[in-house]
Structure formats: C-alpha cells, structure tokens
C-alpha cells in the first residue's frame, strides 16, 4: 500500500479507533467523530481571528495533545494538514515529513497509549520503524513522548502534584504509575522544553485528559484530575486550548470549586458545547452529568457562547453570556431567564435551611434494633431502606431537632436512565421523636405537622426540582443544590401553578420546566423502596 493510500483509505475502511474499548474510568478514548467536532471548532475560531484563513493551510501552526491516548486528535490534525498544505508543499512525502516533525506533538498518558498514538499517527509504534510514514526521526518516540516518571510523595502519603495515594500506586516498577508527565512539574514551560527541545510555543493545545485518579476511588467519590491538565495547558499560553471533560465541574465535583471559579471568571472562554444526556457524547461510556468541550481563546475578552446538544441536535440557538453570573454554570440557556425571575425577588434560599451531611452523627450503615421493645427511651431512626430503634441518648448531635417535625430528603438521588428527570427523592415527613442516618438530610424542621406537610409538598413541585437541577451535577443532593430554591412562606399549599404565577413564568418557560422535570408518582417516599442508584 502506498503512503497516499494509507492516508486516504481511512474513510472507506472501518476505523479501528471507533472500535477500541476504554482502558478504565480514568482514561476514556475520544471517538473520531467527536474529535473532529472539536477540530472544526478550532478551525472556525482561527478563521474568525485571521480574516477567514484556513488553519490547515498554515505550515507554521503547532499542535499539542498533552494527554494522548489513542492518538485520534493528532491523527485527525495530521490528516487535515496533509490536505490543507498540498499547494504549499506539493510533494506528499515532504509534506508528511514537515507536519510530523514540525507541527504535531503529543505526550503519551501511559506506555501502552503512547504506542497506540504512534501507531495512529506514524503508522508504526516506533517513529523510526520500517513501516513509519516518515524517515525524519532518529528515535522511537518521534514527537509523541513517553517515559515512565514517578510520583513525588509527601509525608502524608500523597503525591505533591496530583494527590495520588502512595499506598495504592506505589507498587513497583512492573505497574503503571499513572504519574502523568504534563502535570508532574512545577514549571511546565521548562518541562516542555525538556521533552521537545527549545522554546516551544504551541498555537493549539487539545485533548481529552484522564478524568480521575486511578487509585481506588470510584465515580463521584474519586478525585478528579482533568482540571490539572487544563491549568497546566493554560500556563503554556497557547492561542487556543480545547478540552473535553465531564461536565460536573460546572456545578459540583470533589475538589473542583477553585477550578470552577477560575473557569467561570475567565473571559477568554470563547465557547462551550455541552452534552448533558448520558452516553450521547461518548456512546457506551457512563459519565454521570454528561460531557462537554470548551474553546479557550487567548485573544478573546467577553461573553462565552453556550450551546446544548440533545439527541444530536442543538436545543436552541447559541447564546453568548457571562459565565460568572452565578457561582455555578447554568447549563441550559433556556433556564437563565427563569432563574433571573426567581432571583429578582431577592429571597433567602433553602441552602440555609437544609442540614449538612450526617445530621445526627449516624453513618449510612448504622442500624438500630428492629423494634422499640426493651428499649428504655426509644428513638425511631430512618435509615437506608429500613426503620430501626435506638436509645435516645445515643444521639449527641442536633438533639434539639429530635422532637421537631422534620422533612427528610435522601442525600443521594439518581437513576440509571440516560437523563435524570426527578432530581430529588420524595420527601419523608418524620414526626417528633425521630432521627435519621446520613442517608438523609434534614431539609427543614417545624413546630407543627401542617407546616411540615406544606414544606414537603413544596419540595415535590416541579418548580423546586427544576431549580435544584440547575446545581445538581451528580447524584449527590447536598445542601448546595438547594441554593437557588427560594425559602417562601408556608402560609398556603404551594402548587406548581401557584409558583409559576408568583414568579411570572410565561407559557414557554413553563413548558420548558415541565419538559425537564417529571412529576412524582406518589406523594411521599417510603424508606423501604429502592430509589437510589449509586453507580456513577
């Protein structure tokens, strides 16, 4: 097969990069189609900033994937440059040699992924191998670097750079360290010069970084790591940075508060394309809260274009807005005017009313006795899927709430569906003489049953659960997800119709709320029912 055929037959044969399985939860491969959408975004931004010129026809532009896995970004960039530079460098071999040695660079995430990336880009796992499409390299790595490096352990047993656990990942030279070179450095510019030689200035940094530390955590409880790659990339001051990540950074996520604040306040954020529906962005990959990609433009200083994709289509026009209008990113453009109407009343919110986790100091796995018999001073405990009984004096936290009427909400709420539609569990009205484990939060406490019932009904409304949805990025329903919900007077029975009227929602806004939030099929929650899916 000729070199020309090797680059042109890709569209006619099955693409192996659409078929490979992901290595783990922390290293998710980017489908070629999705990678090309991101590259289209780069091309459009370049044309806008350079009087309509074609980035793929510029032989001076340098690209870096700092966390390459399958090599899909580098391969697709190379393919586009081969077509775009044909007039400037007519000879195919010379063109390929120039692109691969002067324009396209990568850093392998692991030894295995570096070999995969070289195979994708050089058509050989060794850049200087006999099957490589270029003969310009005198080393096996070419411009796709990988060398094993070690974590820098602190006295607390955590890596200084990424926070990995020494107990989990310091397991000998025969095991992968997951010490990613790009983020294990105090000076990223010096590190890049060490890897590729000279003072490298990249025009475009693009990638799909590892999402979390592969050190024993799972799902939302695992420590995220993708933000570290983005922060290092921005330190290199490229013209454009384009990354795809889980979308949970927009509203929540362990250890992401400072990163979220930085991103929302950065006026160089030019665009965000969001895929909230499970599996849509990356088919077959379960990333709760969906995924998104953004374009950061060094020359931009203004609002960010936000677009939501649903079932392959935009949900509406692109809207330019300032991301730091709130402390979280309101993902749907249609939700912004609704939230503005609610906040215009400047009311206190339920965040100050809902308890923190473990309200009575009892862990999720705590269970008392199955009945109150033989307990001197029995206290009823609402726990995970069951009710039990303990001695009252076991409780040492929030003792004053025991003899109040309480409304309990599960601290975790979610399903296995492709998209969440309930957002909160059905409330439990807990009578005086009760407490709960950390399975629940105390959403409110009252002196009388009527107030508790009215409050529970309020929490069941679509309106309240819609406002919760704007802050709920994962299955965890902490007190923070209630921070947009107004704490209104309980002087009446609140219904959705009454709430829509109170806040002046129009017909289209009401239709949007009800399209996003499904009604609860029962009035109150039965603790014996299983409604929680912790698989994340």
Protein backbone atom coordinates (compact mmCIF):
# COMPACT_ATOMS: atom_id res chain seq x y z
CA UNK A 1 0.00 0.00 0.00
CA UNK A 2 1.36 3.45 -0.90
CA UNK A 3 1.68 6.21 1.66
CA UNK A 4 -1.02 8.17 -0.14
CA UNK A 5 -3.41 5.22 0.16
CA UNK A 6 -2.66 4.87 3.87
CA UNK A 7 -4.00 8.38 4.42
CA UNK A 8 -6.95 8.23 2.03
CA UNK A 9 -8.46 4.80 2.72
CA UNK A 10 -9.44 5.73 6.27
CA UNK A 11 -12.83 6.91 5.07
CA UNK A 12 -13.55 3.63 3.28
CA UNK A 13 -12.42 1.07 5.84
CA UNK A 14 -13.67 0.60 9.40
CA UNK A 15 -11.76 2.95 11.68
CA UNK A 16 -10.11 0.98 14.46
CA UNK A 17 -10.32 4.00 16.76
CA UNK A 18 -14.12 3.70 16.74
CA UNK A 19 -13.88 0.12 17.99
CA UNK A 20 -11.32 0.05 20.80
CA UNK A 21 -12.57 -0.32 24.35
CA UNK A 22 -11.72 2.20 27.05
CA UNK A 23 -8.90 1.14 29.33
CA UNK A 24 -10.51 2.36 32.56
CA UNK A 25 -12.79 5.01 34.04
CA UNK A 26 -9.92 7.46 34.17
CA UNK A 27 -8.80 7.03 30.54
CA UNK A 28 -11.69 7.37 28.11
CA UNK A 29 -10.95 7.31 24.39
CA UNK A 30 -12.37 10.06 22.19
CA UNK A 31 -14.47 8.87 19.23
CA UNK A 32 -13.03 10.18 15.93
CA UNK A 33 -16.31 11.91 15.06
CA UNK A 34 -16.26 13.81 18.34
CA UNK A 35 -12.60 14.74 17.93
CA UNK A 36 -13.42 16.22 14.53
CA UNK A 37 -16.19 18.37 16.00
CA UNK A 38 -13.63 19.85 18.36
CA UNK A 39 -11.22 20.44 15.49
CA UNK A 40 -13.99 22.12 13.49
CA UNK A 41 -14.41 24.50 16.43
CA UNK A 42 -10.69 25.29 16.34
CA UNK A 43 -10.78 25.89 12.59
CA UNK A 44 -13.76 28.25 12.88
CA UNK A 45 -12.09 30.22 15.66
CA UNK A 46 -8.86 30.51 13.67
CA UNK A 47 -10.71 31.73 10.58
CA UNK A 48 -12.59 34.29 12.66
CA UNK A 49 -9.36 35.60 14.18
CA UNK A 50 -7.32 35.51 10.94
CA UNK A 51 -9.55 37.11 8.30
CA UNK A 52 -11.02 33.83 7.13
CA UNK A 53 -7.74 31.97 6.63
CA UNK A 54 -7.52 28.19 6.88
CA UNK A 55 -5.58 26.88 9.86
CA UNK A 56 -4.93 23.62 7.97
CA UNK A 57 -3.13 25.56 5.23
CA UNK A 58 -0.65 27.15 7.65
CA UNK A 59 2.62 25.24 7.91
CA UNK A 60 3.78 27.21 10.97
CA UNK A 61 0.98 26.24 13.37
CA UNK A 62 2.00 23.86 16.17
CA UNK A 63 -0.41 21.46 17.91
CA UNK A 64 0.00 19.60 21.22
CA UNK A 65 -2.07 16.83 22.77
CA UNK A 66 -0.66 16.68 26.31
CA UNK A 67 -2.53 13.51 27.26
CA UNK A 68 -2.76 11.48 24.08
CA UNK A 69 -4.25 8.01 24.34
CA UNK A 70 -5.45 6.59 21.02
CA UNK A 71 -3.78 9.40 19.07
CA UNK A 72 -7.06 10.40 17.47
CA UNK A 73 -6.53 14.17 17.79
CA UNK A 74 -3.02 14.01 16.36
CA UNK A 75 -4.10 11.70 13.57
CA UNK A 76 -7.04 13.88 12.52
CA UNK A 77 -4.91 17.03 12.72
CA UNK A 78 -2.32 15.34 10.51
CA UNK A 79 -4.97 14.24 8.03
CA UNK A 80 -6.32 17.79 7.75
CA UNK A 81 -2.87 19.32 7.38
CA UNK A 82 -1.95 16.84 4.65
CA UNK A 83 -4.94 18.07 2.65
CA UNK A 84 -4.57 21.74 3.58
CA UNK A 85 -0.86 22.08 2.77
CA UNK A 86 -0.98 20.37 -0.61
CA UNK A 87 -0.49 23.58 -2.57
CA UNK A 88 2.34 24.83 -0.37
CA UNK A 89 4.18 21.51 -0.18
CA UNK A 90 3.11 19.53 -3.29
CA UNK A 91 5.31 16.50 -2.63
CA UNK A 92 3.40 14.18 -0.30
CA UNK A 93 6.44 12.74 1.43
CA UNK A 94 7.91 16.17 2.10
CA UNK A 95 4.52 17.35 3.34
CA UNK A 96 4.13 14.42 5.74
CA UNK A 97 7.70 14.82 6.99
CA UNK A 98 7.15 18.51 7.70
CA UNK A 99 3.85 18.01 9.50
CA UNK A 100 5.05 15.16 11.70
CA UNK A 101 8.35 16.74 12.66
CA UNK A 102 7.41 20.41 12.91
CA UNK A 103 3.68 20.70 13.67
CA UNK A 104 2.21 17.73 15.56
CA UNK A 105 3.30 16.85 19.11
CA UNK A 106 1.93 14.64 21.85
CA UNK A 107 2.63 13.31 25.33
CA UNK A 108 1.52 9.74 25.97
CA UNK A 109 -0.58 9.08 29.06
CA UNK A 110 0.93 5.62 29.57
CA UNK A 111 3.38 3.37 27.73
CA UNK A 112 0.50 1.49 26.08
CA UNK A 113 -1.31 4.62 24.92
CA UNK A 114 1.91 6.17 23.60
CA UNK A 115 2.43 3.11 21.40
CA UNK A 116 -1.19 3.31 20.24
CA UNK A 117 -0.83 7.01 19.44
CA UNK A 118 2.36 6.45 17.43
CA UNK A 119 0.65 3.66 15.53
CA UNK A 120 -2.24 6.02 14.73
CA UNK A 121 -0.02 8.90 13.62
CA UNK A 122 3.16 7.31 12.24
CA UNK A 123 1.51 4.03 11.14
CA UNK A 124 4.13 2.35 13.33
CA UNK A 125 4.52 2.05 17.08
CA UNK A 126 8.10 3.23 16.54
CA UNK A 127 8.55 6.59 14.84
CA UNK A 128 11.78 5.36 13.24
CA UNK A 129 10.46 1.89 12.39
CA UNK A 130 10.49 0.43 8.90
CA UNK A 131 6.74 0.97 8.49
CA UNK A 132 6.75 4.58 9.71
CA UNK A 133 5.40 7.07 7.17
CA UNK A 134 8.33 9.38 7.84
CA UNK A 135 12.08 8.78 7.88
CA UNK A 136 12.95 12.03 9.63
CA UNK A 137 13.08 10.67 13.20
CA UNK A 138 16.15 9.02 14.68
CA UNK A 139 14.38 7.81 17.82
CA UNK A 140 11.42 5.52 18.57
CA UNK A 141 9.22 8.20 20.16
CA UNK A 142 9.31 10.84 17.44
CA UNK A 143 7.23 13.76 18.65
CA UNK A 144 4.94 11.56 20.79
CA UNK A 145 6.87 11.44 24.03
CA UNK A 146 6.56 8.99 26.86
CA UNK A 147 8.87 7.99 29.66
CA UNK A 148 7.93 6.48 32.97
CA UNK A 149 8.11 9.00 35.78
CA UNK A 150 7.40 8.60 39.47
CA UNK A 151 5.11 10.43 41.84
CA UNK A 152 6.62 12.82 44.38
CA UNK A 153 5.29 11.54 47.69
CA UNK A 154 4.66 13.84 50.63
CA UNK A 155 4.96 12.85 54.28
CA UNK A 156 1.17 12.35 54.25
CA UNK A 157 1.45 9.65 51.60
CA UNK A 158 0.01 11.74 48.77
CA UNK A 159 1.63 12.90 45.55
CA UNK A 160 2.70 16.53 45.69
CA UNK A 161 1.42 17.20 42.18
CA UNK A 162 -1.71 15.10 41.65
CA UNK A 163 -2.74 13.90 45.10
CA UNK A 164 -2.48 10.20 44.24
CA UNK A 165 -2.31 7.71 47.09
CA UNK A 166 1.12 6.19 47.73
CA UNK A 167 -0.47 3.13 49.31
CA UNK A 168 -2.36 2.40 46.08
CA UNK A 169 0.01 3.45 43.30
CA UNK A 170 3.50 2.88 44.73
CA UNK A 171 3.51 -0.80 43.79
CA UNK A 172 6.78 -1.43 41.98
CA UNK A 173 8.27 -0.94 38.55
CA UNK A 174 6.06 -3.57 36.92
CA UNK A 175 2.91 -1.49 37.48
CA UNK A 176 1.85 1.70 35.70
CA UNK A 177 2.38 4.73 37.96
CA UNK A 178 -0.24 7.00 36.35
CA UNK A 179 2.20 9.82 37.08
CA UNK A 180 1.33 11.93 34.07
CA UNK A 181 4.34 13.96 32.94
CA UNK A 182 2.37 17.04 31.91
CA UNK A 183 1.06 17.71 35.41
CA UNK A 184 4.03 16.47 37.46
CA UNK A 185 6.08 19.61 37.16
CA UNK A 186 6.44 22.95 38.94
CA UNK A 187 7.46 24.65 35.69
CA UNK A 188 5.53 23.36 32.69
CA UNK A 189 7.40 25.54 30.16
CA UNK A 190 10.71 24.07 31.26
CA UNK A 191 9.21 20.57 31.17
CA UNK A 192 8.01 21.06 27.57
CA UNK A 193 11.45 22.36 26.54
CA UNK A 194 12.99 19.24 28.09
CA UNK A 195 10.62 16.96 26.20
CA UNK A 196 10.74 18.53 22.75
CA UNK A 197 13.79 20.78 22.82
CA UNK A 198 13.98 24.54 22.59
CA UNK A 199 11.38 27.14 23.44
CA UNK A 200 8.18 25.53 22.19
CA UNK A 201 5.18 27.80 21.66
CA UNK A 202 2.05 25.85 20.78
CA UNK A 203 -0.77 27.53 18.94
CA UNK A 204 -3.34 24.86 19.81
CA UNK A 205 -3.42 22.54 22.83
CA UNK A 206 -6.17 19.98 22.52
CA UNK A 207 -7.07 16.80 24.32
CA UNK A 208 -9.22 14.52 26.43
CA UNK A 209 -7.34 14.26 29.73
CA UNK A 210 -7.62 11.45 32.27
CA UNK A 211 -10.73 12.17 34.32
CA UNK A 212 -9.84 10.85 37.76
CA UNK A 213 -7.07 9.25 39.76
CA UNK A 214 -6.96 5.51 39.24
CA UNK A 215 -6.12 4.93 42.90
CA UNK A 216 -9.11 3.15 44.36
CA UNK A 217 -11.77 5.87 44.25
CA UNK A 218 -14.93 5.35 42.23
CA UNK A 219 -17.37 7.59 40.40
CA UNK A 220 -18.11 10.89 42.08
CA UNK A 221 -16.05 9.84 45.12
CA UNK A 222 -12.87 9.53 43.03
CA UNK A 223 -10.57 12.55 42.94
CA UNK A 224 -10.82 14.41 39.60
CA UNK A 225 -7.61 15.12 37.76
CA UNK A 226 -8.61 16.63 34.42
CA UNK A 227 -8.57 20.17 35.81
CA UNK A 228 -4.82 19.85 36.44
CA UNK A 229 -4.18 19.24 32.74
CA UNK A 230 -6.23 22.28 31.79
CA UNK A 231 -4.46 24.50 34.29
CA UNK A 232 -1.04 23.42 33.00
CA UNK A 233 -2.14 23.91 29.39
CA UNK A 234 -3.21 27.47 30.09
CA UNK A 235 0.15 28.16 31.73
CA UNK A 236 1.72 27.48 28.32
CA UNK A 237 -0.29 30.42 26.92
CA UNK A 238 -1.45 28.84 23.65
CA UNK A 239 -3.59 30.74 21.20
CA UNK A 240 -6.34 28.14 21.74
CA UNK A 241 -6.95 25.45 24.35
CA UNK A 242 -9.66 22.91 23.59
CA UNK A 243 -10.53 20.13 26.04
CA UNK A 244 -13.34 17.64 26.52
CA UNK A 245 -14.15 16.75 30.13
CA UNK A 246 -17.00 15.57 32.33
CA UNK A 247 -19.47 18.43 32.80
CA UNK A 248 -19.73 18.03 36.57
CA UNK A 249 -17.13 20.78 37.07
CA UNK A 250 -19.81 23.28 36.07
CA UNK A 251 -21.81 22.86 39.27
CA UNK A 252 -20.10 20.41 41.63
CA UNK A 253 -17.44 17.76 41.86
CA UNK A 254 -14.93 16.85 44.51
CA UNK A 255 -12.02 19.30 44.63
CA UNK A 256 -13.30 21.40 41.72
CA UNK A 257 -14.50 24.57 43.47
CA UNK A 258 -11.41 26.68 42.74
CA UNK A 259 -11.19 25.36 39.21
CA UNK A 260 -14.84 26.18 38.56
CA UNK A 261 -14.39 29.70 39.93
CA UNK A 262 -11.38 30.23 37.70
CA UNK A 263 -13.08 28.96 34.57
CA UNK A 264 -16.32 30.88 35.08
CA UNK A 265 -14.47 34.14 35.69
CA UNK A 266 -12.08 33.73 32.73
CA UNK A 267 -13.33 35.99 29.94
CA UNK A 268 -11.12 34.12 27.47
CA UNK A 269 -13.58 31.24 27.49
CA UNK A 270 -14.98 31.59 23.96
CA UNK A 271 -17.41 28.67 23.67
CA UNK A 272 -18.82 25.64 25.47
CA UNK A 273 -20.67 22.78 23.78
CA UNK A 274 -22.49 20.66 26.35
CA UNK A 275 -23.85 17.10 26.08
CA UNK A 276 -25.91 16.53 29.26
CA UNK A 277 -27.55 13.29 28.13
CA UNK A 278 -25.83 10.16 29.38
CA UNK A 279 -23.93 8.25 26.66
CA UNK A 280 -24.61 10.85 23.95
CA UNK A 281 -21.17 12.44 23.74
CA UNK A 282 -19.29 9.18 24.22
CA UNK A 283 -21.56 6.24 23.34
CA UNK A 284 -21.28 3.40 25.82
CA UNK A 285 -19.35 5.40 28.42
CA UNK A 286 -21.27 6.16 31.60
CA UNK A 287 -20.27 9.63 32.77
CA UNK A 288 -22.95 10.90 35.12
CA UNK A 289 -23.83 14.50 34.29
CA UNK A 290 -22.63 14.21 30.71
CA UNK A 291 -19.62 15.67 28.98
CA UNK A 292 -18.72 18.94 27.29
CA UNK A 293 -15.90 20.61 25.46
CA UNK A 294 -14.77 24.20 25.56
CA UNK A 295 -12.65 26.56 23.49
CA UNK A 296 -10.39 28.95 25.37
CA UNK A 297 -9.11 31.79 23.17
CA UNK A 298 -6.18 33.87 24.38
CA UNK A 299 -7.35 36.90 22.39
CA UNK A 300 -10.99 36.76 23.49
CA UNK A 301 -12.31 39.02 26.23
CA UNK A 302 -16.05 38.81 26.60
CA UNK A 303 -19.05 36.52 26.98
CA UNK A 304 -18.93 32.82 26.18
CA UNK A 305 -21.06 31.10 23.53
CA UNK A 306 -23.04 28.30 25.20
CA UNK A 307 -24.80 25.54 23.31
CA UNK A 308 -26.53 22.34 24.43
CA UNK A 309 -26.68 19.25 22.23
CA UNK A 310 -29.53 16.79 22.74
CA UNK A 311 -30.09 13.71 20.59
CA UNK A 312 -27.51 15.02 18.17
CA UNK A 313 -29.16 18.40 17.67
CA UNK A 314 -28.78 21.84 19.26
CA UNK A 315 -31.61 22.58 21.69
CA UNK A 316 -31.72 26.17 20.51
CA UNK A 317 -29.52 28.98 19.23
CA UNK A 318 -26.08 29.64 20.64
CA UNK A 319 -26.34 32.25 23.39
CA UNK A 320 -23.40 34.44 24.41
CA UNK A 321 -23.39 35.02 28.16
CA UNK A 322 -21.03 35.75 31.01
CA UNK A 323 -20.39 32.52 32.86
CA UNK A 324 -19.82 34.10 36.27
CA UNK A 325 -23.34 35.44 36.65
CA UNK A 326 -23.75 32.69 39.28
CA UNK A 327 -21.37 30.60 41.34
CA UNK A 328 -22.17 27.62 39.11
CA UNK A 329 -22.66 27.40 35.37
CA UNK A 330 -26.34 27.26 34.45
CA UNK A 331 -26.00 24.81 31.59
CA UNK A 332 -29.22 25.38 29.65
CA UNK A 333 -29.70 28.78 28.04
CA UNK A 334 -33.47 28.40 28.42
CA UNK A 335 -33.08 28.22 32.20
CA UNK A 336 -31.33 31.55 32.61
CA UNK A 337 -34.37 33.88 32.24
CA UNK A 338 -36.37 31.65 34.62
CA UNK A 339 -33.65 31.84 37.26
CA UNK A 340 -33.39 35.59 36.76
CA UNK A 341 -37.11 35.97 37.54
CA UNK A 342 -36.72 33.92 40.72
CA UNK A 343 -33.67 35.83 41.90
CA UNK A 344 -35.26 39.19 41.16
CA UNK A 345 -37.30 38.78 44.37
CA UNK A 346 -34.06 38.57 46.41
CA UNK A 347 -35.47 35.96 48.77
CA UNK A 348 -33.49 33.80 51.14
CA UNK A 349 -32.85 30.28 49.84
CA UNK A 350 -33.20 26.80 51.24
CA UNK A 351 -29.44 26.36 51.46
CA UNK A 352 -29.61 27.98 54.89
CA UNK A 353 -32.43 25.66 55.93
CA UNK A 354 -31.20 22.26 54.75
CA UNK A 355 -28.79 20.42 57.05
CA UNK A 356 -25.28 19.37 56.23
CA UNK A 357 -24.47 15.69 55.80
CA UNK A 358 -24.82 13.22 58.69
CA UNK A 359 -27.32 15.47 60.52
CA UNK A 360 -27.50 13.33 63.68
CA UNK A 361 -23.98 11.92 63.52
CA UNK A 362 -25.08 8.46 62.32
CA UNK A 363 -23.34 6.83 59.36
CA UNK A 364 -25.27 5.28 56.45
CA UNK A 365 -24.53 1.74 57.58
CA UNK A 366 -25.81 2.36 61.12
CA UNK A 367 -28.80 0.22 62.12
CA UNK A 368 -30.57 0.01 65.45
CA UNK A 369 -32.88 -2.70 66.73
CA UNK A 370 -35.84 -3.84 64.60
CA UNK A 371 -38.40 -2.86 67.27
CA UNK A 372 -38.74 -0.49 70.22
CA UNK A 373 -39.35 -3.33 72.69
CA UNK A 374 -36.97 -3.47 75.66
CA UNK A 375 -35.54 -0.03 74.82
CA UNK A 376 -35.90 2.25 77.83
CA UNK A 377 -36.21 5.56 75.95
CA UNK A 378 -36.72 4.55 72.30
CA UNK A 379 -35.92 6.77 69.35
CA UNK A 380 -37.10 5.93 65.83
CA UNK A 381 -34.33 6.06 63.22
CA UNK A 382 -34.87 6.48 59.50
CA UNK A 383 -32.03 4.63 57.78
CA UNK A 384 -31.09 3.08 54.47
CA UNK A 385 -34.22 1.25 53.29
CA UNK A 386 -35.39 0.49 56.83
CA UNK A 387 -36.59 1.92 60.12
CA UNK A 388 -34.94 0.88 63.37
CA UNK A 389 -34.86 1.90 67.03
CA UNK A 390 -32.15 3.05 69.43
CA UNK A 391 -31.83 4.59 72.88
CA UNK A 392 -32.38 8.33 72.66
CA UNK A 393 -29.15 9.19 74.46
CA UNK A 394 -27.12 7.68 71.61
CA UNK A 395 -27.72 10.91 69.67
CA UNK A 396 -25.27 13.69 70.57
CA UNK A 397 -25.67 15.96 67.51
CA UNK A 398 -28.67 18.22 66.75
CA UNK A 399 -30.50 16.92 69.81
CA UNK A 400 -32.88 19.88 69.57
CA UNK A 401 -34.27 18.53 66.26
CA UNK A 402 -35.33 15.16 67.64
CA UNK A 403 -38.70 16.38 68.93
CA UNK A 404 -39.44 18.61 65.94
CA UNK A 405 -41.49 17.76 62.88
CA UNK A 406 -38.91 17.16 60.16
CA UNK A 407 -38.87 16.76 56.38
CA UNK A 408 -36.16 14.34 55.25
CA UNK A 409 -34.66 14.07 51.78
CA UNK A 410 -32.22 11.45 50.56
CA UNK A 411 -28.66 12.74 50.25
CA UNK A 412 -28.23 10.76 47.02
CA UNK A 413 -30.82 10.69 44.28
CA UNK A 414 -30.48 9.29 40.80
CA UNK A 415 -31.45 6.58 38.38
CA UNK A 416 -29.82 4.54 35.63
CA UNK A 417 -31.74 6.45 32.96
CA UNK A 418 -29.90 8.36 30.24
CA UNK A 419 -31.07 11.60 31.80
CA UNK A 420 -32.30 12.49 35.27
CA UNK A 421 -35.88 13.78 35.47
CA UNK A 422 -36.75 13.65 39.19
CA UNK A 423 -33.64 15.30 40.77
CA UNK A 424 -34.93 14.90 44.33
CA UNK A 425 -36.47 11.96 46.15
CA UNK A 426 -39.98 12.12 47.50
CA UNK A 427 -39.94 13.74 50.97
CA UNK A 428 -40.35 11.85 54.23
CA UNK A 429 -42.30 13.57 56.98
CA UNK A 430 -40.65 12.48 60.22
CA UNK A 431 -42.69 13.01 63.36
CA UNK A 432 -41.27 14.16 66.72
CA UNK A 433 -39.20 11.53 68.43
CA UNK A 434 -37.22 10.62 65.32
CA UNK A 435 -33.77 11.00 63.81
CA UNK A 436 -32.00 9.68 60.71
CA UNK A 437 -28.71 8.33 59.39
CA UNK A 438 -26.64 10.18 56.80
CA UNK A 439 -28.74 8.52 54.11
CA UNK A 440 -30.91 11.61 54.58
CA UNK A 441 -30.61 15.34 55.07
CA UNK A 442 -32.98 17.25 57.29
CA UNK A 443 -34.43 19.56 54.66
CA UNK A 444 -36.43 21.50 57.24
CA UNK A 445 -37.78 21.27 60.79
CA UNK A 446 -41.04 22.67 62.17
CA UNK A 447 -43.16 23.01 65.28
CA UNK A 448 -46.32 21.66 63.66
CA UNK A 449 -47.39 18.98 61.22
CA UNK A 450 -49.20 21.33 58.85
CA UNK A 451 -46.04 23.32 58.11
CA UNK A 452 -44.08 20.12 57.57
CA UNK A 453 -46.69 18.83 55.11
CA UNK A 454 -46.78 22.11 53.21
CA UNK A 455 -42.99 22.16 53.00
CA UNK A 456 -42.88 18.57 51.77
CA UNK A 457 -45.42 19.42 49.09
CA UNK A 458 -43.33 22.42 48.08
CA UNK A 459 -40.26 20.22 47.65
CA UNK A 460 -42.25 17.83 45.46
CA UNK A 461 -43.14 20.52 42.92
CA UNK A 462 -41.56 20.52 39.51
CA UNK A 463 -40.63 24.15 40.03
CA UNK A 464 -38.44 23.41 43.06
CA UNK A 465 -36.86 20.35 41.49
CA UNK A 466 -36.13 22.35 38.34
CA UNK A 467 -34.18 24.91 40.37
CA UNK A 468 -32.35 22.06 42.08
CA UNK A 469 -31.46 20.59 38.68
CA UNK A 470 -29.53 23.74 37.78
CA UNK A 471 -27.00 22.97 40.52
CA UNK A 472 -27.11 19.16 40.65
CA UNK A 473 -24.26 17.81 38.55
CA UNK A 474 -24.18 14.30 40.03
CA UNK A 475 -26.42 12.04 42.09
CA UNK A 476 -25.38 13.75 45.30
CA UNK A 477 -28.10 16.08 46.58
CA UNK A 478 -26.20 18.10 49.19
CA UNK A 479 -27.48 21.29 50.74
CA UNK A 480 -25.74 23.24 47.95
CA UNK A 481 -28.20 22.00 45.32
CA UNK A 482 -30.96 23.93 47.15
CA UNK A 483 -29.15 27.28 46.83
CA UNK A 484 -31.41 28.53 44.01
CA UNK A 485 -34.66 27.46 45.73
CA UNK A 486 -36.43 30.34 47.50
CA UNK A 487 -37.45 29.90 51.13
CA UNK A 488 -41.03 31.07 50.75
CA UNK A 489 -43.70 31.49 53.43
CA UNK A 490 -45.65 28.32 54.25
CA UNK A 491 -48.90 30.20 54.66
CA UNK A 492 -50.61 28.18 51.93
CA UNK A 493 -50.38 24.95 49.97
CA UNK A 494 -47.93 25.67 47.16
CA UNK A 495 -48.53 24.10 43.76
CA UNK A 496 -46.64 24.45 40.52
CA UNK A 497 -49.40 26.65 39.11
CA UNK A 498 -49.16 28.99 42.10
CA UNK A 499 -45.37 29.11 41.87
CA UNK A 500 -45.40 29.81 38.12
CA UNK A 501 -47.73 32.72 38.82
CA UNK A 502 -45.69 34.00 41.77
CA UNK A 503 -42.54 34.26 39.65
CA UNK A 504 -44.17 35.37 36.42
CA UNK A 505 -43.20 32.45 34.18
CA UNK A 506 -44.62 32.63 30.68
CA UNK A 507 -46.04 29.76 28.63
CA UNK A 508 -42.72 28.80 27.02
CA UNK A 509 -40.89 28.88 30.34
CA UNK A 510 -43.49 26.68 32.00
CA UNK A 511 -43.29 24.23 29.11
CA UNK A 512 -39.52 24.09 29.47
CA UNK A 513 -39.69 23.40 33.21
CA UNK A 514 -42.20 20.61 32.73
CA UNK A 515 -40.21 19.11 29.88
CA UNK A 516 -37.17 18.85 32.14
CA UNK A 517 -38.80 17.59 35.34
CA UNK A 518 -41.15 14.63 35.66
CA UNK A 519 -43.89 14.56 38.30
CA UNK A 520 -43.52 12.24 41.27
CA UNK A 521 -45.97 9.39 41.00
CA UNK A 522 -46.58 9.21 44.76
CA UNK A 523 -46.93 11.84 47.42
CA UNK A 524 -44.36 10.69 49.97
CA UNK A 525 -41.29 8.48 49.98
CA UNK A 526 -41.35 5.02 51.52
CA UNK A 527 -37.92 4.28 53.08
CA UNK A 528 -38.30 0.62 52.18
CA UNK A 529 -38.30 1.47 48.46
CA UNK A 530 -35.08 1.39 46.48
CA UNK A 531 -34.74 4.62 44.54
CA UNK A 532 -31.02 5.25 44.71
CA UNK A 533 -28.51 4.19 42.07
CA UNK A 534 -25.01 4.88 43.33
CA UNK A 535 -23.34 3.59 40.18
CA UNK A 536 -21.58 6.66 38.80
